[in-house]
Amino acid sequence: MNDETRNRLLAAAVALREGGRRQEARARLVELAAARPGDAEVAYQTAWAHDVLELEAAAVPHYERALALPGLTEEDRRGAFLGLGSTYRVLGRYEEAVATLRTGADEFPADGALRTFLAMALFNTGAHHESARLLLELVATTSEDPSVRAYRRAIQHYAQDLDAVV
C-alpha cells in the first residue's frame, strides 16, 4: 500500500471515529494496522479506536507499538503515553501504569494531564505521599483560584513533606 492510500484510509477512519461511527472506524483501523504494522500513527489511532469503545485490553498492544516505533508527532506521543498509562491503570496493571506515565511526564514535564494520571496510578500502588505531592504541586502551579494563588508558595513548600511539623 502506498503512502497516499494509507493517508486516505487513515483520514477516513479518524473521521468515522470523530463522527461517532466508532465500530466502523475500529474495523477499518484494525485492517490498516495489519497492513502497516510498522506505522506508529496507525498504531496510535488503532489504540484510540479501541479505547473509545472501552476495549482497553485490545488497545494495549497498539499503544505499545505506537510508542516503540518512530514517527509519532509530539502531540500523539503525549497522547499515547496518557492513553497507555490510563489503560494500564483501568486494567489494574498499576506498576506498568506508573512506569508509563512517569516516562511520559519526564518526557513532557509541562503536561498536567500526564502528572494527574500519574498521581492516580501512584495512589493505586499505595504511594499516597507521592500522589498527593504531585497533585498539590499541580494545583499550586496551575490554579487560577485567587485563594490558591495567594498560598502558592506555601502549598509548594508543604507538598515536599506533608508530614513535617514544627
Protein backbone atom coordinates (compact mmCIF):
# COMPACT_ATOMS: atom_id res chain seq x y z
CA MET A 1 0.00 0.00 0.00
CA ASN A 2 1.44 3.37 -0.96
CA ASP A 3 1.52 6.40 1.33
CA GLU A 4 -1.28 8.21 -0.49
CA THR A 5 -3.65 5.27 0.02
CA ARG A 6 -2.56 4.96 3.65
CA ASN A 7 -3.20 8.65 4.28
CA ARG A 8 -6.63 8.49 2.67
CA LEU A 9 -7.67 5.37 4.63
CA LEU A 10 -6.35 6.75 7.91
CA ALA A 11 -8.11 10.09 7.46
CA ALA A 12 -11.38 8.32 6.63
CA ALA A 13 -11.15 6.10 9.71
CA VAL A 14 -10.37 9.03 12.01
CA ALA A 15 -13.31 10.95 10.52
CA LEU A 16 -15.56 7.97 11.25
CA ARG A 17 -14.39 7.86 14.87
CA GLU A 18 -14.84 11.60 15.29
CA GLY A 19 -18.28 11.34 13.68
CA GLY A 20 -19.43 8.78 16.22
CA ARG A 21 -19.12 5.73 13.97
CA ARG A 22 -16.64 4.13 16.31
CA GLN A 23 -17.17 0.45 15.48
CA GLU A 24 -16.70 1.11 11.78
CA ALA A 25 -13.62 3.21 12.49
CA ARG A 26 -12.13 0.45 14.65
CA ALA A 27 -12.73 -2.18 11.95
CA ARG A 28 -11.02 -0.06 9.31
CA LEU A 29 -8.10 0.78 11.58
CA VAL A 30 -7.56 -2.87 12.51
CA GLU A 31 -7.28 -3.67 8.79
CA LEU A 32 -4.95 -0.74 8.21
CA ALA A 33 -2.79 -1.69 11.20
CA ALA A 34 -2.45 -5.22 9.86
CA ALA A 35 -1.33 -3.82 6.51
CA ARG A 36 1.02 -1.25 8.11
CA PRO A 37 2.49 -2.87 11.27
CA GLY A 38 5.47 -0.51 11.29
CA ASP A 39 3.37 2.67 11.22
CA ALA A 40 3.31 4.42 14.60
CA GLU A 41 0.47 6.79 13.72
CA VAL A 42 -1.75 3.96 12.51
CA ALA A 43 -0.97 2.01 15.69
CA TYR A 44 -1.86 5.03 17.84
CA GLN A 45 -5.12 5.68 16.03
CA THR A 46 -5.99 1.98 16.28
CA ALA A 47 -5.35 2.03 20.02
CA TRP A 48 -7.50 5.11 20.39
CA ALA A 49 -10.32 3.47 18.41
CA HIS A 50 -10.29 0.54 20.84
CA ASP A 51 -10.10 2.81 23.88
CA VAL A 52 -13.17 4.86 22.96
CA LEU A 53 -15.13 1.60 22.70
CA GLU A 54 -13.91 0.57 26.17
CA LEU A 55 -11.88 -2.27 24.66
CA GLU A 56 -8.89 -1.39 26.81
CA ALA A 57 -7.14 -4.77 26.73
CA ALA A 58 -7.25 -4.75 22.93
CA ALA A 59 -5.89 -1.19 22.86
CA VAL A 60 -2.72 -2.03 24.82
CA PRO A 61 -0.63 -3.71 22.08
CA HIS A 62 -1.43 -0.89 19.67
CA TYR A 63 -0.36 1.77 22.20
CA GLU A 64 2.80 -0.18 22.99
CA ARG A 65 3.65 -0.47 19.30
CA ALA A 66 2.94 3.22 18.69
CA LEU A 67 5.37 4.22 21.44
CA ALA A 68 8.03 1.74 20.33
CA LEU A 69 8.07 2.93 16.73
CA PRO A 70 9.44 6.21 15.39
CA GLY A 71 7.17 8.69 13.69
CA LEU A 72 4.62 9.99 16.18
CA THR A 73 4.14 13.72 16.41
CA GLU A 74 4.84 15.24 19.81
CA GLU A 75 1.10 15.60 20.45
CA ASP A 76 0.39 11.99 19.51
CA ARG A 77 3.33 10.73 21.59
CA ARG A 78 1.95 12.56 24.65
CA GLY A 79 -1.47 11.13 23.88
CA ALA A 80 -0.06 7.62 23.56
CA PHE A 81 1.68 7.84 26.94
CA LEU A 82 -1.52 9.09 28.53
CA GLY A 83 -3.69 6.53 26.75
CA LEU A 84 -1.44 3.57 27.56
CA GLY A 85 -0.83 4.62 31.16
CA SER A 86 -4.52 5.24 31.77
CA THR A 87 -5.42 1.96 30.09
CA TYR A 88 -2.94 0.02 32.22
CA ARG A 89 -4.47 1.68 35.29
CA VAL A 90 -8.04 0.80 34.30
CA LEU A 91 -6.92 -2.80 33.78
CA GLY A 92 -5.38 -2.90 37.27
CA ARG A 93 -1.83 -3.01 35.90
CA TYR A 94 -0.77 -0.26 38.29
CA GLU A 95 3.01 -0.70 38.21
CA GLU A 96 3.01 -0.57 34.41
CA ALA A 97 0.74 2.48 34.58
CA VAL A 98 3.16 4.26 36.92
CA ALA A 99 6.17 3.40 34.75
CA THR A 100 4.47 4.53 31.55
CA LEU A 101 3.02 7.73 32.99
CA ARG A 102 6.30 8.59 34.74
CA THR A 103 8.18 8.20 31.45
CA GLY A 104 5.59 10.39 29.72
CA ALA A 105 5.68 13.01 32.47
CA ASP A 106 9.50 13.04 32.35
CA GLU A 107 9.44 13.50 28.58
CA PHE A 108 6.66 16.12 28.75
CA PRO A 109 7.06 17.82 32.16
CA ALA A 110 4.64 20.64 31.35
CA ASP A 111 1.77 18.21 30.67
CA GLY A 112 -0.55 18.42 33.68
CA ALA A 113 -2.76 15.58 32.45
CA LEU A 114 0.16 13.14 32.49
CA ARG A 115 1.06 14.20 36.03
CA THR A 116 -2.57 13.91 37.14
CA PHE A 117 -2.94 10.39 35.78
CA LEU A 118 0.45 9.51 37.27
CA ALA A 119 -0.84 10.68 40.66
CA MET A 120 -3.88 8.42 40.31
CA ALA A 121 -1.71 5.42 39.40
CA LEU A 122 0.65 6.16 42.30
CA PHE A 123 -2.34 6.23 44.63
CA ASN A 124 -3.35 2.80 43.33
CA THR A 125 0.11 1.43 44.17
CA GLY A 126 -0.07 2.78 47.72
CA ALA A 127 2.35 5.65 47.07
CA HIS A 128 -0.06 8.12 48.67
CA HIS A 129 2.51 10.72 49.66
CA GLU A 130 3.97 10.99 46.17
CA SER A 131 0.47 11.05 44.71
CA ALA A 132 -0.61 13.91 46.98
CA ARG A 133 2.66 15.77 46.38
CA LEU A 134 2.18 15.66 42.61
CA LEU A 135 -1.42 16.85 42.87
CA LEU A 136 -0.55 19.66 45.29
CA GLU A 137 2.26 20.84 43.05
CA LEU A 138 -0.08 20.77 40.08
CA VAL A 139 -2.74 22.75 41.95
CA ALA A 140 -0.17 25.26 43.14
CA THR A 141 1.30 25.83 39.69
CA THR A 142 -1.84 25.78 37.56
CA SER A 143 -4.71 27.06 39.66
CA GLU A 144 -6.25 30.40 38.76
CA ASP A 145 -8.23 30.44 42.00
CA PRO A 146 -7.13 33.64 43.81
CA SER A 147 -7.22 31.96 47.22
CA VAL A 148 -4.94 29.15 45.99
CA ARG A 149 -2.65 31.60 44.22
CA ALA A 150 -2.27 33.55 47.46
CA TYR A 151 -0.84 30.45 49.13
CA ARG A 152 1.04 29.04 46.13
CA ARG A 153 4.49 29.17 47.78
CA ALA A 154 3.23 27.61 51.00
CA ILE A 155 1.43 24.82 49.11
CA GLN A 156 4.55 24.08 47.07
CA HIS A 157 6.67 24.06 50.23
CA TYR A 158 4.38 21.77 52.20
CA ALA A 159 3.89 19.46 49.23
CA GLN A 160 7.54 18.43 49.61
CA ASP A 161 6.92 16.97 53.09
CA LEU A 162 3.30 16.57 54.13
CA ASP A 163 4.30 15.03 57.47
CA ALA A 164 6.51 17.91 58.60
CA VAL A 165 5.55 19.50 61.90
CA VAL A 166 7.07 22.49 63.61
